Amino acid sequence: MKKFPNAFVIILSVILLAWIFTFIIPQGTYDREVNVVTNQTNVIPNSYEHQEAPHLSAFDVLLAIPQGIAGRANLIVLILLLGGCFYLIEKTGALNQGLNQLIKILKGKEVYALIAITILFMLAGFTIALQEEVIAMMPILLLFGRNLGYTPLTIIYASYGSTVIGSAFSPFNPFGVLIAQKEAEVTLLSGSSFRIIVFLVGAFSGWFI
């Protein structure tokens, strides 16, 4: 199987593609106004105007990379910290050792092991938005499930399915809630009570599906 391109190659390719699109897609902007009640910046409907502006040079594209890093330093640091946590879990073998120990402790009570995995991954999605990272853990999880006598689909639903529920309805998902609310200029952690209620409904309903 051909090796997947390096992450930096993908990022640079996207930047290059976006630069090429600036020569194809017409440039324009919408007018914006600040709501004095909510202090939110809103786009004025039907206010789009075409603008003539010089295209970025290749040098400007190169400068956009460090400028983008500086402008979103808080987001980049958050991603690096979360990525570092996943890297430590993988390299130290903590997950593998923990699952093996769980097999020994709950031998003959495999259903409790499945419940523990479901709760663990649901809380991981709820707190740190763990989701795609489960794919890298899947070989270990499938081996864990086979030792317990469960089918691969059962383990996939218990692990990845649980993280999806946790991250989707989390009131403080760092990506889907905190960063999104900051960009939308709404009150941070607003709607948390509603999200928690929906999370509990989704969590408990999953046991009956």
N, C-alpha and C. Protein backbone atom coordinates (compact mmCIF):
# COMPACT_ATOMS: atom_id res chain seq x y z
N MET A 1 0.85 -1.19 0.00
CA MET A 1 0.00 0.00 0.00
C MET A 1 0.88 1.24 0.00
N LYS A 2 0.55 2.19 -0.85
CA LYS A 2 1.33 3.40 -0.95
C LYS A 2 1.21 4.21 0.34
N LYS A 3 2.35 4.71 0.81
CA LYS A 3 2.35 5.45 2.06
C LYS A 3 1.60 6.77 1.90
N PHE A 4 0.80 7.11 2.91
CA PHE A 4 0.03 8.34 2.87
C PHE A 4 0.97 9.53 2.98
N PRO A 5 0.72 10.64 2.25
CA PRO A 5 1.62 11.80 2.30
C PRO A 5 1.79 12.35 3.70
N ASN A 6 2.96 12.94 3.94
CA ASN A 6 3.24 13.56 5.22
C ASN A 6 2.27 14.70 5.48
N ALA A 7 2.01 14.96 6.76
CA ALA A 7 1.04 16.01 7.12
C ALA A 7 1.47 17.37 6.59
N PHE A 8 2.77 17.65 6.62
CA PHE A 8 3.26 18.94 6.14
C PHE A 8 3.05 19.08 4.62
N VAL A 9 3.17 17.97 3.91
CA VAL A 9 2.93 18.00 2.46
C VAL A 9 1.46 18.34 2.19
N ILE A 10 0.56 17.77 2.99
CA ILE A 10 -0.87 18.04 2.82
C ILE A 10 -1.18 19.51 3.11
N ILE A 11 -0.61 20.02 4.21
CA ILE A 11 -0.86 21.42 4.59
C ILE A 11 -0.35 22.38 3.52
N LEU A 12 0.88 22.16 3.05
CA LEU A 12 1.46 23.03 2.01
C LEU A 12 0.67 22.93 0.71
N SER A 13 0.16 21.74 0.40
CA SER A 13 -0.63 21.57 -0.82
C SER A 13 -1.94 22.36 -0.73
N VAL A 14 -2.57 22.35 0.44
CA VAL A 14 -3.81 23.10 0.63
C VAL A 14 -3.55 24.60 0.51
N ILE A 15 -2.43 25.07 1.09
CA ILE A 15 -2.08 26.49 0.99
C ILE A 15 -1.84 26.88 -0.46
N LEU A 16 -1.12 26.05 -1.19
CA LEU A 16 -0.86 26.31 -2.60
C LEU A 16 -2.15 26.33 -3.42
N LEU A 17 -3.05 25.38 -3.13
CA LEU A 17 -4.33 25.31 -3.84
C LEU A 17 -5.18 26.55 -3.55
N ALA A 18 -5.19 26.99 -2.28
CA ALA A 18 -5.94 28.20 -1.91
C ALA A 18 -5.38 29.42 -2.63
N TRP A 19 -4.06 29.49 -2.77
CA TRP A 19 -3.44 30.62 -3.49
C TRP A 19 -3.84 30.62 -4.95
N ILE A 20 -3.88 29.45 -5.56
CA ILE A 20 -4.28 29.35 -6.97
C ILE A 20 -5.73 29.81 -7.15
N PHE A 21 -6.59 29.46 -6.18
CA PHE A 21 -7.99 29.85 -6.26
C PHE A 21 -8.18 31.37 -6.20
N THR A 22 -7.21 32.08 -5.58
CA THR A 22 -7.34 33.54 -5.51
C THR A 22 -7.26 34.18 -6.90
N PHE A 23 -6.67 33.47 -7.87
CA PHE A 23 -6.60 33.98 -9.23
C PHE A 23 -7.84 33.59 -10.05
N ILE A 24 -8.65 32.69 -9.51
CA ILE A 24 -9.82 32.19 -10.24
C ILE A 24 -11.12 32.75 -9.68
N ILE A 25 -11.25 32.74 -8.35
CA ILE A 25 -12.49 33.19 -7.70
C ILE A 25 -12.46 34.71 -7.54
N PRO A 26 -13.51 35.41 -7.96
CA PRO A 26 -13.55 36.88 -7.81
C PRO A 26 -13.47 37.28 -6.34
N GLN A 27 -12.82 38.41 -6.10
CA GLN A 27 -12.66 38.88 -4.73
C GLN A 27 -13.78 39.85 -4.37
N GLY A 28 -14.23 39.77 -3.14
CA GLY A 28 -15.31 40.64 -2.68
C GLY A 28 -15.48 40.53 -1.19
N THR A 29 -16.41 41.29 -0.64
CA THR A 29 -16.62 41.29 0.80
C THR A 29 -18.04 41.69 1.13
N TYR A 30 -18.49 41.32 2.31
CA TYR A 30 -19.79 41.73 2.85
C TYR A 30 -19.57 42.83 3.87
N ASP A 31 -20.53 43.71 3.99
CA ASP A 31 -20.51 44.71 5.07
C ASP A 31 -20.92 44.04 6.36
N ARG A 32 -20.39 44.54 7.46
CA ARG A 32 -20.68 43.97 8.77
C ARG A 32 -21.07 45.06 9.74
N GLU A 33 -21.86 44.68 10.74
CA GLU A 33 -22.28 45.62 11.77
C GLU A 33 -22.24 44.93 13.12
N VAL A 34 -22.02 45.70 14.16
CA VAL A 34 -21.94 45.19 15.52
C VAL A 34 -23.28 45.37 16.21
N ASN A 35 -23.83 44.25 16.73
CA ASN A 35 -25.07 44.29 17.48
C ASN A 35 -24.78 44.87 18.87
N VAL A 36 -25.37 46.01 19.19
CA VAL A 36 -25.06 46.69 20.45
C VAL A 36 -25.58 45.91 21.66
N VAL A 37 -26.56 45.03 21.43
CA VAL A 37 -27.13 44.25 22.54
C VAL A 37 -26.25 43.05 22.87
N THR A 38 -25.90 42.26 21.85
CA THR A 38 -25.11 41.04 22.06
C THR A 38 -23.62 41.25 21.83
N ASN A 39 -23.24 42.41 21.27
CA ASN A 39 -21.85 42.71 20.95
C ASN A 39 -21.26 41.73 19.94
N GLN A 40 -22.13 41.20 19.07
CA GLN A 40 -21.69 40.29 18.03
C GLN A 40 -21.56 41.03 16.71
N THR A 41 -20.59 40.60 15.92
CA THR A 41 -20.41 41.16 14.59
C THR A 41 -21.21 40.33 13.60
N ASN A 42 -22.21 40.93 12.95
CA ASN A 42 -23.09 40.22 12.04
C ASN A 42 -22.88 40.69 10.60
N VAL A 43 -23.04 39.76 9.67
CA VAL A 43 -22.96 40.09 8.25
C VAL A 43 -24.28 40.67 7.79
N ILE A 44 -24.24 41.77 7.04
CA ILE A 44 -25.44 42.40 6.51
C ILE A 44 -25.86 41.66 5.24
N PRO A 45 -27.07 41.12 5.22
CA PRO A 45 -27.52 40.37 4.03
C PRO A 45 -27.52 41.24 2.78
N ASN A 46 -27.23 40.60 1.64
CA ASN A 46 -27.27 41.26 0.32
C ASN A 46 -26.34 42.47 0.24
N SER A 47 -25.26 42.45 0.99
CA SER A 47 -24.32 43.58 0.96
C SER A 47 -23.00 43.23 0.27
N TYR A 48 -22.98 42.09 -0.40
CA TYR A 48 -21.74 41.66 -1.06
C TYR A 48 -21.36 42.62 -2.18
N GLU A 49 -20.10 42.99 -2.21
CA GLU A 49 -19.59 43.88 -3.25
C GLU A 49 -18.28 43.32 -3.79
N HIS A 50 -18.19 43.34 -5.12
CA HIS A 50 -16.96 42.89 -5.78
C HIS A 50 -15.87 43.94 -5.57
N GLN A 51 -14.66 43.49 -5.31
CA GLN A 51 -13.54 44.40 -5.06
C GLN A 51 -12.36 44.02 -5.94
N GLU A 52 -11.66 45.03 -6.39
CA GLU A 52 -10.43 44.82 -7.12
C GLU A 52 -9.27 44.96 -6.14
N ALA A 53 -8.49 43.92 -6.04
CA ALA A 53 -7.36 43.93 -5.11
C ALA A 53 -6.20 43.18 -5.73
N PRO A 54 -4.97 43.58 -5.42
CA PRO A 54 -3.80 42.89 -5.99
C PRO A 54 -3.72 41.46 -5.49
N HIS A 55 -3.28 40.56 -6.35
CA HIS A 55 -3.13 39.17 -5.96
C HIS A 55 -1.87 38.98 -5.12
N LEU A 56 -1.91 37.98 -4.28
CA LEU A 56 -0.76 37.68 -3.43
C LEU A 56 0.37 37.12 -4.27
N SER A 57 1.58 37.55 -3.93
CA SER A 57 2.75 36.99 -4.59
C SER A 57 3.16 35.70 -3.90
N ALA A 58 4.10 34.99 -4.50
CA ALA A 58 4.59 33.75 -3.89
C ALA A 58 5.24 34.04 -2.53
N PHE A 59 5.89 35.20 -2.42
CA PHE A 59 6.52 35.58 -1.15
C PHE A 59 5.46 35.84 -0.08
N ASP A 60 4.34 36.47 -0.48
CA ASP A 60 3.25 36.71 0.47
C ASP A 60 2.65 35.40 0.98
N VAL A 61 2.59 34.40 0.09
CA VAL A 61 2.08 33.09 0.49
C VAL A 61 2.97 32.46 1.55
N LEU A 62 4.29 32.59 1.36
CA LEU A 62 5.23 32.05 2.35
C LEU A 62 5.10 32.77 3.68
N LEU A 63 4.87 34.08 3.64
CA LEU A 63 4.70 34.84 4.88
C LEU A 63 3.38 34.51 5.58
N ALA A 64 2.40 34.04 4.81
CA ALA A 64 1.10 33.72 5.40
C ALA A 64 1.20 32.58 6.40
N ILE A 65 2.19 31.70 6.23
CA ILE A 65 2.33 30.55 7.14
C ILE A 65 2.71 31.02 8.54
N PRO A 66 3.83 31.77 8.74
CA PRO A 66 4.14 32.22 10.11
C PRO A 66 3.11 33.20 10.65
N GLN A 67 2.51 34.02 9.76
CA GLN A 67 1.48 34.95 10.23
C GLN A 67 0.25 34.20 10.73
N GLY A 68 -0.10 33.12 10.04
CA GLY A 68 -1.23 32.31 10.49
C GLY A 68 -0.95 31.61 11.80
N ILE A 69 0.28 31.14 11.97
CA ILE A 69 0.67 30.50 13.23
C ILE A 69 0.60 31.49 14.39
N ALA A 70 1.09 32.72 14.15
CA ALA A 70 1.06 33.74 15.20
C ALA A 70 -0.37 34.17 15.52
N GLY A 71 -1.21 34.25 14.49
CA GLY A 71 -2.57 34.70 14.71
C GLY A 71 -3.45 33.69 15.41
N ARG A 72 -3.13 32.42 15.30
CA ARG A 72 -3.92 31.36 15.94
C ARG A 72 -3.03 30.52 16.86
N ALA A 73 -2.16 31.20 17.58
CA ALA A 73 -1.23 30.50 18.47
C ALA A 73 -1.95 29.71 19.55
N ASN A 74 -3.05 30.27 20.09
CA ASN A 74 -3.78 29.57 21.15
C ASN A 74 -4.37 28.25 20.65
N LEU A 75 -4.90 28.25 19.44
CA LEU A 75 -5.46 27.02 18.87
C LEU A 75 -4.36 26.01 18.58
N ILE A 76 -3.24 26.47 18.05
CA ILE A 76 -2.14 25.56 17.71
C ILE A 76 -1.56 24.92 18.97
N VAL A 77 -1.41 25.71 20.02
CA VAL A 77 -0.90 25.15 21.29
C VAL A 77 -1.86 24.10 21.83
N LEU A 78 -3.16 24.36 21.73
CA LEU A 78 -4.16 23.39 22.19
C LEU A 78 -4.03 22.08 21.42
N ILE A 79 -3.89 22.17 20.10
CA ILE A 79 -3.76 20.97 19.28
C ILE A 79 -2.48 20.22 19.61
N LEU A 80 -1.39 20.96 19.83
CA LEU A 80 -0.11 20.33 20.17
C LEU A 80 -0.20 19.60 21.51
N LEU A 81 -0.88 20.22 22.48
CA LEU A 81 -1.02 19.59 23.79
C LEU A 81 -1.84 18.31 23.70
N LEU A 82 -2.96 18.36 22.99
CA LEU A 82 -3.79 17.16 22.83
C LEU A 82 -3.05 16.09 22.05
N GLY A 83 -2.35 16.51 20.99
CA GLY A 83 -1.57 15.54 20.21
C GLY A 83 -0.47 14.90 21.05
N GLY A 84 0.15 15.71 21.92
CA GLY A 84 1.18 15.17 22.80
C GLY A 84 0.63 14.13 23.77
N CYS A 85 -0.58 14.37 24.26
CA CYS A 85 -1.21 13.40 25.16
C CYS A 85 -1.44 12.06 24.45
N PHE A 86 -1.96 12.12 23.22
CA PHE A 86 -2.20 10.90 22.47
C PHE A 86 -0.89 10.18 22.15
N TYR A 87 0.15 10.96 21.87
CA TYR A 87 1.46 10.37 21.54
C TYR A 87 2.03 9.62 22.75
N LEU A 88 1.90 10.22 23.94
CA LEU A 88 2.39 9.57 25.15
C LEU A 88 1.63 8.28 25.44
N ILE A 89 0.30 8.35 25.25
CA ILE A 89 -0.50 7.15 25.48
C ILE A 89 -0.08 6.02 24.55
N GLU A 90 0.19 6.37 23.29
CA GLU A 90 0.57 5.35 22.31
C GLU A 90 1.97 4.81 22.56
N LYS A 91 2.94 5.70 22.81
CA LYS A 91 4.33 5.27 22.93
C LYS A 91 4.63 4.56 24.25
N THR A 92 3.94 4.95 25.31
CA THR A 92 4.18 4.30 26.60
C THR A 92 3.46 2.97 26.72
N GLY A 93 2.52 2.71 25.79
CA GLY A 93 1.77 1.47 25.86
C GLY A 93 0.77 1.44 27.00
N ALA A 94 0.42 2.63 27.51
CA ALA A 94 -0.48 2.70 28.66
C ALA A 94 -1.84 2.10 28.34
N LEU A 95 -2.33 2.36 27.15
CA LEU A 95 -3.63 1.81 26.79
C LEU A 95 -3.59 0.29 26.70
N ASN A 96 -2.57 -0.23 26.05
CA ASN A 96 -2.44 -1.69 25.91
C ASN A 96 -2.33 -2.37 27.26
N GLN A 97 -1.50 -1.80 28.14
CA GLN A 97 -1.32 -2.39 29.47
C GLN A 97 -2.59 -2.29 30.29
N GLY A 98 -3.28 -1.15 30.15
CA GLY A 98 -4.52 -0.98 30.90
C GLY A 98 -5.59 -1.97 30.46
N LEU A 99 -5.67 -2.21 29.15
CA LEU A 99 -6.66 -3.16 28.64
C LEU A 99 -6.34 -4.59 29.07
N ASN A 100 -5.05 -4.93 29.05
CA ASN A 100 -4.65 -6.27 29.49
C ASN A 100 -4.97 -6.48 30.97
N GLN A 101 -4.73 -5.45 31.75
CA GLN A 101 -5.04 -5.55 33.18
C GLN A 101 -6.54 -5.66 33.40
N LEU A 102 -7.31 -4.96 32.56
CA LEU A 102 -8.76 -5.02 32.66
C LEU A 102 -9.27 -6.42 32.34
N ILE A 103 -8.63 -7.09 31.38
CA ILE A 103 -9.02 -8.46 31.04
C ILE A 103 -8.81 -9.39 32.22
N LYS A 104 -7.68 -9.22 32.92
CA LYS A 104 -7.37 -10.07 34.06
C LYS A 104 -8.35 -9.83 35.21
N ILE A 105 -8.65 -8.55 35.46
CA ILE A 105 -9.52 -8.22 36.59
C ILE A 105 -10.96 -8.69 36.35
N LEU A 106 -11.43 -8.53 35.12
CA LEU A 106 -12.84 -8.82 34.81
C LEU A 106 -13.00 -10.14 34.08
N LYS A 107 -12.09 -11.07 34.28
CA LYS A 107 -12.20 -12.38 33.64
C LYS A 107 -13.46 -13.08 34.14
N GLY A 108 -14.29 -13.50 33.21
CA GLY A 108 -15.56 -14.13 33.55
C GLY A 108 -16.69 -13.13 33.70
N LYS A 109 -16.36 -11.82 33.65
CA LYS A 109 -17.37 -10.75 33.73
C LYS A 109 -17.14 -9.79 32.56
N GLU A 110 -17.10 -10.36 31.36
CA GLU A 110 -16.74 -9.59 30.17
C GLU A 110 -17.67 -8.43 29.90
N VAL A 111 -18.93 -8.54 30.29
CA VAL A 111 -19.87 -7.47 30.03
C VAL A 111 -19.47 -6.20 30.75
N TYR A 112 -18.85 -6.34 31.95
CA TYR A 112 -18.40 -5.17 32.69
C TYR A 112 -17.22 -4.50 31.98
N ALA A 113 -16.40 -5.30 31.31
CA ALA A 113 -15.29 -4.74 30.54
C ALA A 113 -15.81 -3.90 29.39
N LEU A 114 -16.86 -4.37 28.73
CA LEU A 114 -17.45 -3.62 27.63
C LEU A 114 -18.06 -2.31 28.13
N ILE A 115 -18.70 -2.35 29.29
CA ILE A 115 -19.27 -1.14 29.88
C ILE A 115 -18.16 -0.15 30.23
N ALA A 116 -17.06 -0.67 30.79
CA ALA A 116 -15.94 0.20 31.16
C ALA A 116 -15.34 0.88 29.94
N ILE A 117 -15.17 0.14 28.84
CA ILE A 117 -14.63 0.71 27.60
C ILE A 117 -15.56 1.78 27.06
N THR A 118 -16.84 1.50 27.09
CA THR A 118 -17.82 2.47 26.58
C THR A 118 -17.77 3.77 27.37
N ILE A 119 -17.76 3.66 28.69
CA ILE A 119 -17.73 4.85 29.55
C ILE A 119 -16.41 5.59 29.38
N LEU A 120 -15.31 4.87 29.29
CA LEU A 120 -13.98 5.48 29.16
C LEU A 120 -13.89 6.32 27.89
N PHE A 121 -14.29 5.75 26.77
CA PHE A 121 -14.18 6.48 25.51
C PHE A 121 -15.23 7.58 25.39
N MET A 122 -16.38 7.38 26.01
CA MET A 122 -17.38 8.43 25.99
C MET A 122 -16.90 9.65 26.77
N LEU A 123 -16.25 9.40 27.91
CA LEU A 123 -15.70 10.50 28.70
C LEU A 123 -14.53 11.16 27.99
N ALA A 124 -13.73 10.37 27.24
CA ALA A 124 -12.63 10.95 26.48
C ALA A 124 -13.14 11.89 25.40
N GLY A 125 -14.22 11.49 24.72
CA GLY A 125 -14.82 12.38 23.74
C GLY A 125 -15.47 13.59 24.39
N PHE A 126 -16.04 13.38 25.56
CA PHE A 126 -16.73 14.45 26.30
C PHE A 126 -15.76 15.52 26.78
N THR A 127 -14.56 15.11 27.19
CA THR A 127 -13.62 16.05 27.80
C THR A 127 -12.61 16.63 26.81
N ILE A 128 -11.96 15.79 26.01
CA ILE A 128 -10.89 16.28 25.13
C ILE A 128 -11.20 16.07 23.66
N ALA A 129 -12.45 15.76 23.33
CA ALA A 129 -12.89 15.59 21.94
C ALA A 129 -12.12 14.49 21.23
N LEU A 130 -11.79 13.42 21.95
CA LEU A 130 -11.16 12.26 21.33
C LEU A 130 -12.11 11.65 20.31
N GLN A 131 -11.65 11.48 19.08
CA GLN A 131 -12.51 10.88 18.08
C GLN A 131 -11.68 10.18 17.00
N GLU A 132 -11.07 10.94 16.10
CA GLU A 132 -10.31 10.31 15.02
C GLU A 132 -9.14 9.51 15.55
N GLU A 133 -8.61 9.90 16.72
CA GLU A 133 -7.46 9.21 17.29
C GLU A 133 -7.76 7.76 17.64
N VAL A 134 -9.04 7.43 17.78
CA VAL A 134 -9.42 6.05 18.10
C VAL A 134 -9.03 5.11 16.97
N ILE A 135 -8.96 5.64 15.75
CA ILE A 135 -8.60 4.80 14.60
C ILE A 135 -7.21 4.20 14.81
N ALA A 136 -6.28 4.99 15.34
CA ALA A 136 -4.93 4.48 15.59
C ALA A 136 -4.91 3.43 16.69
N MET A 137 -5.87 3.51 17.59
CA MET A 137 -5.94 2.54 18.70
C MET A 137 -6.71 1.28 18.32
N MET A 138 -7.35 1.28 17.18
CA MET A 138 -8.26 0.20 16.84
C MET A 138 -7.63 -1.19 16.82
N PRO A 139 -6.40 -1.39 16.31
CA PRO A 139 -5.82 -2.74 16.34
C PRO A 139 -5.75 -3.32 17.76
N ILE A 140 -5.36 -2.47 18.71
CA ILE A 140 -5.29 -2.93 20.10
C ILE A 140 -6.68 -3.23 20.64
N LEU A 141 -7.63 -2.36 20.29
CA LEU A 141 -9.00 -2.54 20.78
C LEU A 141 -9.64 -3.79 20.20
N LEU A 142 -9.37 -4.07 18.93
CA LEU A 142 -9.94 -5.28 18.30
C LEU A 142 -9.36 -6.55 18.93
N LEU A 143 -8.06 -6.49 19.24
CA LEU A 143 -7.44 -7.64 19.91
C LEU A 143 -8.02 -7.81 21.31
N PHE A 144 -8.25 -6.70 21.97
CA PHE A 144 -8.87 -6.72 23.29
C PHE A 144 -10.27 -7.33 23.22
N GLY A 145 -11.04 -6.93 22.22
CA GLY A 145 -12.39 -7.46 22.06
C GLY A 145 -12.40 -8.94 21.74
N ARG A 146 -11.44 -9.38 20.91
CA ARG A 146 -11.38 -10.80 20.57
C ARG A 146 -11.06 -11.64 21.79
N ASN A 147 -10.19 -11.13 22.66
CA ASN A 147 -9.86 -11.87 23.89
C ASN A 147 -11.06 -11.98 24.82
N LEU A 148 -11.98 -11.02 24.70
CA LEU A 148 -13.17 -11.05 25.53
C LEU A 148 -14.32 -11.80 24.88
N GLY A 149 -14.16 -12.12 23.60
CA GLY A 149 -15.20 -12.86 22.90
C GLY A 149 -16.22 -11.99 22.18
N TYR A 150 -15.88 -10.71 21.94
CA TYR A 150 -16.80 -9.81 21.27
C TYR A 150 -16.42 -9.66 19.79
N THR A 151 -17.40 -9.36 18.97
CA THR A 151 -17.16 -9.17 17.55
C THR A 151 -16.51 -7.81 17.31
N PRO A 152 -15.82 -7.64 16.16
CA PRO A 152 -15.20 -6.34 15.85
C PRO A 152 -16.19 -5.18 15.86
N LEU A 153 -17.40 -5.39 15.32
CA LEU A 153 -18.38 -4.31 15.29
C LEU A 153 -18.77 -3.85 16.69
N THR A 154 -18.86 -4.80 17.61
CA THR A 154 -19.20 -4.44 18.99
C THR A 154 -18.16 -3.51 19.59
N ILE A 155 -16.88 -3.82 19.36
CA ILE A 155 -15.80 -3.00 19.90
C ILE A 155 -15.76 -1.65 19.21
N ILE A 156 -16.01 -1.61 17.91
CA ILE A 156 -16.00 -0.33 17.18
C ILE A 156 -17.10 0.58 17.71
N TYR A 157 -18.29 0.01 17.91
CA TYR A 157 -19.39 0.81 18.43
C TYR A 157 -19.11 1.28 19.86
N ALA A 158 -18.52 0.40 20.67
CA ALA A 158 -18.27 0.73 22.07
C ALA A 158 -17.18 1.78 22.22
N SER A 159 -16.22 1.81 21.31
CA SER A 159 -15.11 2.76 21.40
C SER A 159 -15.36 4.00 20.56
N TYR A 160 -15.30 3.84 19.24
CA TYR A 160 -15.46 5.00 18.36
C TYR A 160 -16.87 5.59 18.46
N GLY A 161 -17.88 4.72 18.51
CA GLY A 161 -19.25 5.22 18.64
C GLY A 161 -19.45 6.03 19.91
N SER A 162 -18.82 5.61 20.99
CA SER A 162 -18.95 6.33 22.25
C SER A 162 -18.26 7.69 22.20
N THR A 163 -17.10 7.75 21.54
CA THR A 163 -16.40 9.05 21.45
C THR A 163 -17.20 10.03 20.61
N VAL A 164 -17.89 9.54 19.59
CA VAL A 164 -18.71 10.42 18.76
C VAL A 164 -19.83 11.05 19.59
N ILE A 165 -20.49 10.23 20.41
CA ILE A 165 -21.55 10.77 21.28
C ILE A 165 -20.97 11.77 22.26
N GLY A 166 -19.84 11.42 22.88
CA GLY A 166 -19.24 12.30 23.87
C GLY A 166 -18.81 13.63 23.30
N SER A 167 -18.11 13.61 22.17
CA SER A 167 -17.60 14.85 21.58
C SER A 167 -18.71 15.68 20.93
N ALA A 168 -19.74 15.01 20.41
CA ALA A 168 -20.82 15.74 19.73
C ALA A 168 -21.65 16.56 20.70
N PHE A 169 -21.89 16.03 21.91
CA PHE A 169 -22.78 16.70 22.85
C PHE A 169 -22.04 17.30 24.05
N SER A 170 -20.72 17.31 24.01
CA SER A 170 -19.96 17.87 25.12
C SER A 170 -20.18 19.38 25.24
N PRO A 171 -20.38 19.90 26.46
CA PRO A 171 -20.57 21.35 26.62
C PRO A 171 -19.27 22.13 26.54
N PHE A 172 -18.13 21.44 26.59
CA PHE A 172 -16.84 22.14 26.51
C PHE A 172 -15.86 21.44 25.59
N ASN A 173 -16.39 20.88 24.50
CA ASN A 173 -15.53 20.33 23.45
C ASN A 173 -14.58 21.43 22.98
N PRO A 174 -13.26 21.24 23.08
CA PRO A 174 -12.33 22.34 22.74
C PRO A 174 -12.42 22.79 21.30
N PHE A 175 -12.86 21.92 20.39
CA PHE A 175 -12.94 22.29 18.98
C PHE A 175 -14.35 22.67 18.56
N GLY A 176 -15.31 21.80 18.84
CA GLY A 176 -16.67 22.01 18.37
C GLY A 176 -17.46 23.02 19.18
N VAL A 177 -16.97 23.38 20.39
CA VAL A 177 -17.71 24.30 21.24
C VAL A 177 -16.89 25.54 21.57
N LEU A 178 -15.78 25.36 22.26
CA LEU A 178 -15.01 26.51 22.76
C LEU A 178 -14.51 27.40 21.63
N ILE A 179 -13.82 26.80 20.66
CA ILE A 179 -13.29 27.59 19.54
C ILE A 179 -14.43 28.13 18.69
N ALA A 180 -15.46 27.31 18.46
CA ALA A 180 -16.59 27.75 17.64
C ALA A 180 -17.33 28.91 18.30
N GLN A 181 -17.54 28.85 19.62
CA GLN A 181 -18.23 29.92 20.31
C GLN A 181 -17.40 31.20 20.32
N LYS A 182 -16.09 31.05 20.41
CA LYS A 182 -15.23 32.22 20.37
C LYS A 182 -15.31 32.91 19.02
N GLU A 183 -15.28 32.12 17.94
CA GLU A 183 -15.36 32.69 16.60
C GLU A 183 -16.74 33.28 16.33
N ALA A 184 -17.78 32.66 16.90
CA ALA A 184 -19.14 33.16 16.70
C ALA A 184 -19.47 34.33 17.62
N GLU A 185 -18.55 34.65 18.54
CA GLU A 185 -18.71 35.77 19.47
C GLU A 185 -19.95 35.61 20.35
N VAL A 186 -20.19 34.37 20.78
CA VAL A 186 -21.27 34.13 21.73
C VAL A 186 -20.65 33.86 23.10
N THR A 187 -21.48 33.89 24.12
CA THR A 187 -20.99 33.69 25.49
C THR A 187 -20.35 32.31 25.62
N LEU A 188 -19.13 32.28 26.16
CA LEU A 188 -18.41 31.03 26.31
C LEU A 188 -19.16 30.06 27.20
N LEU A 189 -19.28 28.81 26.77
CA LEU A 189 -19.98 27.74 27.48
C LEU A 189 -21.48 27.97 27.56
N SER A 190 -22.02 28.85 26.72
CA SER A 190 -23.47 29.04 26.70
C SER A 190 -24.15 27.79 26.17
N GLY A 191 -25.32 27.49 26.69
CA GLY A 191 -26.05 26.30 26.28
C GLY A 191 -25.53 25.01 26.88
N SER A 192 -24.70 25.10 27.92
CA SER A 192 -24.10 23.89 28.50
C SER A 192 -25.15 22.96 29.10
N SER A 193 -26.14 23.53 29.76
CA SER A 193 -27.18 22.69 30.38
C SER A 193 -27.91 21.87 29.34
N PHE A 194 -28.26 22.51 28.23
CA PHE A 194 -28.96 21.79 27.16
C PHE A 194 -28.08 20.70 26.58
N ARG A 195 -26.80 20.99 26.38
CA ARG A 195 -25.88 20.00 25.82
C ARG A 195 -25.73 18.80 26.75
N ILE A 196 -25.65 19.04 28.05
CA ILE A 196 -25.51 17.95 29.01
C ILE A 196 -26.75 17.06 28.98
N ILE A 197 -27.94 17.67 28.90
CA ILE A 197 -29.17 16.89 28.85
C ILE A 197 -29.20 16.01 27.59
N VAL A 198 -28.84 16.60 26.44
CA VAL A 198 -28.82 15.84 25.20
C VAL A 198 -27.76 14.75 25.25
N PHE A 199 -26.62 15.05 25.89
CA PHE A 199 -25.57 14.05 26.04
C PHE A 199 -26.07 12.85 26.84
N LEU A 200 -26.76 13.10 27.94
CA LEU A 200 -27.27 12.01 28.77
C LEU A 200 -28.30 11.19 28.02
N VAL A 201 -29.15 11.88 27.24
CA VAL A 201 -30.14 11.16 26.43
C VAL A 201 -29.44 10.27 25.41
N GLY A 202 -28.42 10.83 24.72
CA GLY A 202 -27.69 10.05 23.72
C GLY A 202 -26.92 8.90 24.35
N ALA A 203 -26.33 9.15 25.53
CA ALA A 203 -25.54 8.11 26.19
C ALA A 203 -26.40 6.94 26.63
N PHE A 204 -27.53 7.23 27.25
CA PHE A 204 -28.38 6.16 27.76
C PHE A 204 -29.16 5.47 26.64
N SER A 205 -29.55 6.22 25.61
CA SER A 205 -30.28 5.61 24.52
C SER A 205 -29.41 4.65 23.73
N GLY A 206 -28.09 4.90 23.75
CA GLY A 206 -27.18 4.01 23.03
C GLY A 206 -27.18 2.58 23.56
N TRP A 207 -27.52 2.41 24.82
CA TRP A 207 -27.53 1.07 25.42
C TRP A 207 -28.73 0.26 24.94
N PHE A 208 -29.74 0.95 24.39
CA PHE A 208 -30.96 0.24 23.99
C PHE A 208 -31.09 0.11 22.48
N ILE A 209 -30.07 0.58 21.75
CA ILE A 209 -30.10 0.48 20.28
C ILE A 209 -29.37 -0.78 19.82
